Protein backbone atom coordinates (compact mmCIF):
# COMPACT_ATOMS: atom_id res chain seq x y z
CA MET A 1 146.65 135.89 48.88
CA LYS A 2 149.11 136.77 51.78
CA LEU A 3 147.15 134.30 54.52
CA LEU A 4 147.16 131.33 51.59
CA LYS A 5 150.95 131.75 51.16
CA ARG A 6 151.68 131.66 55.25
CA LYS A 7 149.24 128.58 55.44
CA ILE A 8 150.94 126.70 52.40
CA LEU A 9 154.82 127.91 54.54
CA PHE A 10 153.01 126.29 57.43
CA THR A 11 151.51 123.04 55.62
CA LEU A 12 154.77 122.19 54.09
CA ALA A 13 156.43 122.45 57.51
CA SER A 14 153.59 121.40 60.13
CA GLU A 15 154.45 117.70 60.08
CA ILE A 16 158.11 118.25 61.73
CA ASP A 17 158.88 120.29 64.67
CA PHE A 18 159.94 123.00 62.73
CA PHE A 19 160.18 125.54 65.62
CA LYS A 20 163.69 123.22 66.53
CA ILE A 21 164.42 121.69 63.07
CA ASN A 22 165.65 123.98 60.56
CA GLU A 23 166.69 121.45 57.52
CA GLY A 24 165.76 118.82 55.69
CA PHE A 25 162.42 119.32 54.81
CA GLU A 26 160.21 116.85 53.07
CA TYR A 27 158.85 117.11 49.17
CA TYR A 28 155.24 117.18 49.10
CA PRO A 29 152.92 117.04 45.91
CA TYR A 30 150.39 119.37 44.94
CA LYS A 31 147.48 116.67 46.28
CA PHE A 32 148.87 116.69 49.71
CA LEU A 33 148.18 120.48 49.83
CA TYR A 34 144.90 120.30 48.27
CA ALA A 35 143.71 117.81 50.97
CA ARG A 36 145.12 119.96 53.92
CA LEU A 37 143.73 123.21 53.03
CA LEU A 38 140.17 122.28 51.48
CA ASN A 39 139.22 125.71 52.20
CA TYR A 40 140.93 127.02 49.29
CA LYS A 41 140.46 126.37 45.53
CA SER A 42 143.37 124.47 43.79
CA SER A 43 144.03 127.13 41.14
CA SER A 44 144.57 129.29 44.17
CA ILE A 45 147.04 127.24 45.77
CA ARG A 46 148.99 126.58 42.52
CA ASP A 47 149.17 130.27 42.19
CA ALA A 48 150.53 130.87 45.55
CA VAL A 49 153.27 128.09 45.46
CA LEU A 50 154.50 129.09 42.28
CA GLN A 51 154.94 132.52 43.52
CA LEU A 52 156.43 131.29 46.85
CA ALA A 53 158.82 129.25 44.23
CA ALA A 54 159.77 132.22 42.52
CA SER A 55 160.68 133.91 45.92
CA GLY A 56 162.61 131.23 47.06
CA GLU A 57 160.68 130.18 50.26
CA ILE A 58 160.01 126.72 48.69
CA ASP A 59 162.07 124.40 46.37
CA LYS A 60 160.54 122.99 43.52
CA ILE A 61 161.21 119.90 41.68
CA THR A 62 159.48 117.31 39.34
CA ARG A 63 160.45 113.64 40.23
CA ASN A 64 158.95 110.91 38.11
CA LYS A 65 156.48 113.48 36.20
CA THR A 66 155.20 114.35 39.77
CA VAL A 67 155.97 118.25 41.03
CA LEU A 68 156.80 118.73 44.11
CA PHE A 69 157.70 120.96 46.91
CA ARG A 70 159.69 121.46 49.96
CA LEU A 71 160.45 124.41 52.66
CA THR A 72 163.68 126.34 52.32
CA ALA A 73 165.55 127.84 54.90
CA GLN A 74 164.63 130.97 53.66
CA GLY A 75 160.49 129.85 53.71
CA ARG A 76 161.01 128.77 57.47
CA SER A 77 162.48 131.96 58.32
CA ARG A 78 159.98 133.73 56.81
CA LEU A 79 157.35 131.70 58.35
CA LEU A 80 158.56 131.74 62.22
CA TYR A 81 158.23 135.12 61.60
CA PHE A 82 154.67 135.23 62.19
CA PHE A 83 154.59 133.22 64.89
CA PRO A 84 155.99 134.99 68.26
CA ILE A 85 156.37 131.85 70.60
CA SER A 86 159.55 131.04 68.12
CA VAL A 87 161.02 134.03 69.94
CA GLY A 88 159.91 133.29 73.46
CA GLN A 89 161.26 129.83 73.36
CA LYS A 90 164.79 130.86 72.75
CA LYS A 91 166.01 132.57 75.93
CA VAL A 92 165.47 132.83 79.61
CA TRP A 93 163.79 135.93 79.77
CA ASP A 94 166.32 138.90 80.89
CA ARG A 95 163.30 140.51 82.92
CA ILE A 96 163.08 143.22 80.89
CA TRP A 97 159.82 144.52 79.73
CA ARG A 98 159.89 146.61 76.17
CA ILE A 99 157.22 149.46 76.53
CA ALA A 100 156.00 151.00 73.12
CA VAL A 101 154.30 154.44 73.11
CA ILE A 102 152.71 155.54 70.07
CA LYS A 103 151.42 159.12 69.34
CA ALA A 104 150.16 160.93 66.44
CA ARG A 105 151.99 163.70 65.24
CA LYS A 106 150.47 167.43 65.95
CA THR A 107 147.84 168.12 63.31
CA ILE A 108 148.26 171.96 61.37
CA LYS A 109 144.85 173.27 59.87
CA LEU A 110 146.03 174.77 56.70
CA GLY A 111 142.62 176.41 56.07
CA LYS A 112 139.74 176.33 53.10
CA ALA A 113 140.93 174.65 50.09
CA ARG A 114 137.73 174.86 48.52
CA ALA A 115 134.06 176.13 49.98
CA GLY A 116 132.87 173.85 52.72
CA SER A 117 136.00 172.03 53.06
CA THR A 118 139.54 172.06 55.19
CA SER A 119 142.47 170.30 54.48
CA GLU A 120 144.80 169.15 57.40
CA VAL A 121 148.38 167.57 57.73
CA THR A 122 150.87 166.90 60.42
CA GLN A 123 154.34 168.80 60.81
CA SER A 124 155.66 165.78 58.91
CA GLY A 125 153.56 166.56 55.90
CA SER A 126 151.06 163.68 55.99
CA SER A 127 147.41 163.93 55.91
CA GLU A 128 144.85 162.43 58.39
CA VAL A 129 143.85 159.68 56.17
CA GLU A 130 147.58 158.76 55.93
CA GLN A 131 148.00 158.95 59.56
CA ALA A 132 145.47 156.84 60.15
CA ARG A 133 146.56 154.41 57.67
CA ASP A 134 150.04 154.30 59.99
CA PHE A 135 148.41 153.74 63.23
CA ARG A 136 146.66 150.55 61.74
CA LYS A 137 149.92 149.46 60.23
CA LEU A 138 152.26 150.16 62.99
CA ARG A 139 149.86 148.67 65.53
CA GLN A 140 149.46 145.26 63.36
CA THR A 141 153.29 145.20 63.17
CA LEU A 142 153.44 145.65 67.02
CA ARG A 143 151.18 142.60 67.82
CA THR A 144 153.06 140.38 65.16
CA LEU A 145 155.67 141.40 67.46
CA SER A 146 153.61 139.99 70.54
CA PHE A 147 153.09 143.37 72.01
CA ARG A 148 149.85 143.75 73.66
CA LYS A 149 148.02 146.98 74.48
CA LEU A 150 148.29 147.98 78.02
CA SER A 151 146.47 151.71 77.78
CA ARG A 152 145.68 154.08 75.19
CA GLY A 153 148.60 154.14 72.70
CA VAL A 154 150.90 152.02 75.13
CA TYR A 155 152.03 148.47 74.00
CA ILE A 156 153.80 146.19 76.25
CA THR A 157 156.00 142.73 75.51
CA PRO A 158 158.88 140.97 77.55
CA LEU A 159 160.19 139.56 74.41
CA PRO A 160 163.42 141.16 72.96
CA ILE A 161 162.07 142.27 69.76
CA SER A 162 163.53 145.54 69.46
CA ALA A 163 166.01 145.01 66.41
CA GLN A 164 162.73 143.75 64.43
CA LEU A 165 161.03 146.89 65.71
CA LYS A 166 163.92 149.30 64.59
CA ASN A 167 164.08 147.52 61.11
CA PHE A 168 160.06 147.56 60.31
CA LEU A 169 160.58 151.97 61.62
CA LEU A 170 163.69 151.93 59.15
CA GLU A 171 162.13 150.42 56.41
CA GLU A 172 158.70 152.27 56.53
CA LYS A 173 158.33 155.60 56.35
CA ILE A 174 155.20 156.59 58.87
CA SER A 175 153.39 159.20 60.58
CA VAL A 176 153.42 158.35 63.85
CA LYS A 177 156.24 158.92 66.48
CA ILE A 178 156.98 155.94 68.71
CA ALA A 179 159.03 155.40 71.78
CA VAL A 180 160.20 152.52 73.13
CA ILE A 181 160.92 152.03 76.96
CA GLU A 182 162.80 149.11 78.28
CA SER A 183 162.40 148.88 82.10
CA ARG A 184 163.22 145.92 85.00
CA ARG A 185 160.34 146.57 87.10
CA LEU A 186 156.60 147.39 87.17
CA LEU A 187 155.57 149.95 90.31
CA LEU A 188 152.29 147.78 90.43
CA GLY A 189 151.43 144.45 90.30
CA ASP A 190 152.95 141.13 89.34
CA ASP A 191 154.81 140.10 86.16
CA LYS A 192 152.83 136.83 86.27
CA GLN A 193 149.02 138.75 86.66
CA LEU A 194 149.88 141.07 84.36
CA ALA A 195 150.91 138.71 81.51
CA LYS A 196 147.61 136.64 82.04
CA GLN A 197 145.19 139.67 81.85
CA VAL A 198 147.26 141.53 78.95
CA TRP A 199 147.71 138.20 76.79
CA SER A 200 144.12 136.68 77.90
CA LEU A 201 145.98 133.53 79.01
CA ASN A 202 143.09 131.63 80.52
CA SER A 203 141.04 132.31 77.15
CA LEU A 204 144.23 130.93 75.01
CA LEU A 205 144.41 127.85 77.38
CA LYS A 206 140.95 126.68 76.80
CA GLU A 207 141.21 126.90 73.07
CA TYR A 208 144.86 124.41 73.21
CA GLN A 209 142.73 122.62 75.30
CA ASN A 210 139.70 121.97 72.88
CA LEU A 211 142.48 121.55 70.31
CA ILE A 212 144.00 118.55 72.14
CA ASN A 213 140.68 117.06 72.59
CA GLN A 214 139.85 117.36 68.81
CA ALA A 215 142.83 115.59 68.15
CA ILE A 216 142.85 112.63 70.74
CA VAL A 217 139.14 111.90 69.45
CA LEU A 218 140.30 111.97 65.77
CA LEU A 219 143.22 109.74 66.37
CA LYS A 220 140.78 107.40 67.95
CA TYR A 221 138.48 107.26 65.23
CA ILE A 222 141.66 107.09 62.54
CA LYS A 223 142.63 103.89 64.54
CA GLY A 224 139.69 102.22 63.95
CA GLN A 225 139.53 102.96 59.96
CA LYS A 226 141.29 100.73 57.34
CA SER A 227 141.66 104.12 55.31
CA LEU A 228 141.67 107.60 55.57
CA THR A 229 137.95 108.43 55.04
CA SER A 230 136.66 112.05 53.76
CA LYS A 231 135.20 112.83 57.26
CA ALA A 232 138.38 112.47 58.58
CA LYS A 233 140.11 114.17 56.02
CA LYS A 234 138.06 117.09 56.36
CA GLN A 235 138.06 117.27 60.15
CA PHE A 236 142.18 116.96 60.08
CA SER A 237 142.02 120.08 57.69
CA LEU A 238 140.02 122.12 60.18
CA ILE A 239 142.36 120.89 63.21
CA LEU A 240 145.39 122.00 61.26
CA ASP A 241 143.91 125.63 60.26
CA SER A 242 143.06 125.68 64.13
CA TYR A 243 146.67 124.75 65.23
CA PHE A 244 147.64 127.35 62.72
CA SER A 245 145.80 130.03 64.37
CA LEU A 246 146.36 128.94 68.00
CA LEU A 247 150.16 129.35 66.93
CA GLY A 248 149.80 132.73 65.93
CA LYS A 249 147.92 133.69 68.67
CA ASP A 250 150.58 131.95 71.40
CA PRO A 251 152.63 135.51 72.65
CA GLY A 252 155.35 133.25 73.08
CA LEU A 253 156.00 134.48 76.54
CA PRO A 254 158.74 133.38 78.53
CA VAL A 255 158.22 130.23 80.88
CA LYS A 256 158.23 132.68 83.85
CA LEU A 257 155.34 134.34 83.08
CA LEU A 258 152.92 131.50 81.95
CA PRO A 259 150.67 129.22 84.20
CA ILE A 260 152.02 126.04 85.01
CA ASP A 261 151.84 123.09 82.47
CA TRP A 262 151.12 125.48 79.37
CA PRO A 263 150.06 123.20 77.16
CA PHE A 264 152.02 124.10 74.21
CA ASP A 265 154.28 121.24 74.12
CA LEU A 266 151.52 118.75 74.74
CA VAL A 267 149.32 120.52 72.03
CA LYS A 268 152.50 120.60 69.50
CA GLU A 269 153.12 116.41 70.41
CA THR A 270 149.52 115.61 69.77
CA PHE A 271 148.92 117.25 66.47
CA LEU A 272 152.52 115.67 65.20
CA ARG A 273 151.17 112.03 66.33
CA LEU A 274 147.92 112.98 64.52
CA ALA A 275 149.79 114.05 61.41
CA ASP A 276 151.64 110.80 61.34
CA ARG A 277 148.85 108.76 61.62
CA VAL A 278 147.03 110.60 58.88
CA LYS A 279 150.00 110.61 56.27
CA ALA A 280 149.98 106.67 56.97
CA LYS A 281 146.44 106.73 56.74
CA GLU A 282 146.86 108.08 53.18
CA GLY A 283 149.74 105.97 52.27
CA GLN A 284 146.94 102.70 52.55
CA SER A 285 144.28 104.72 50.65
CA ASP A 286 146.82 105.55 47.79
CA GLY A 287 147.46 101.78 47.80
CA VAL A 288 143.97 100.78 47.81
């Protein structure tokens, strides 16, 4: 359900440049979401929409007996949280690397709790199971904040996300030690080469290029059709899902760390043109 909610927020925002535009979002009916999220049941979409409306992340109105929804400012903020690229785009890089070092607290054996078994807790009083859970939670949070693993227990990012990480650590009680170091220089290697390797930029570049090619092919196909076909609807739904996934993968690195002509802007522009064409053809289909 969490992923579906995220995709609903994204779908409601996807037809404009929501990274730059923060208000004036359009209202859409349920059928818009059904057409975009073909891999989900209508009942699941409705349940998720109602929960998002209750939390204030989308606005719900009824117009001419039709229920409509749009993204709110709160929903946009929530959506941007899942895309590190929304942070990387805002400022010129301050040339500071943030390095997070995580380590389990020392484990203390308490002896046998019963015949044939032992019990272990950390110095903070947490069990090994809790510690493993906290490790996973922290690693996932670091990844969401665009940290990437440099070596065992060491994660790195050039983004100014220290406040977000601090808020997470204050809200969550975890049995894992973490230290965040800020440094203006690396002893070995080149900043740009490091970014290329750690964030697998070549692989991401290929995925972006594939998405651009798919969008262009669909644009040409739709142009030759009088209305939106079932084939086009399915293909657009797949492209929308790929676009969502790629934006989540993009670490949002500062321009100085990216290859020349990084295709994010081109992908965004191409997708928006495709979405506009799809909407126009849907309007023609409704009028048939």
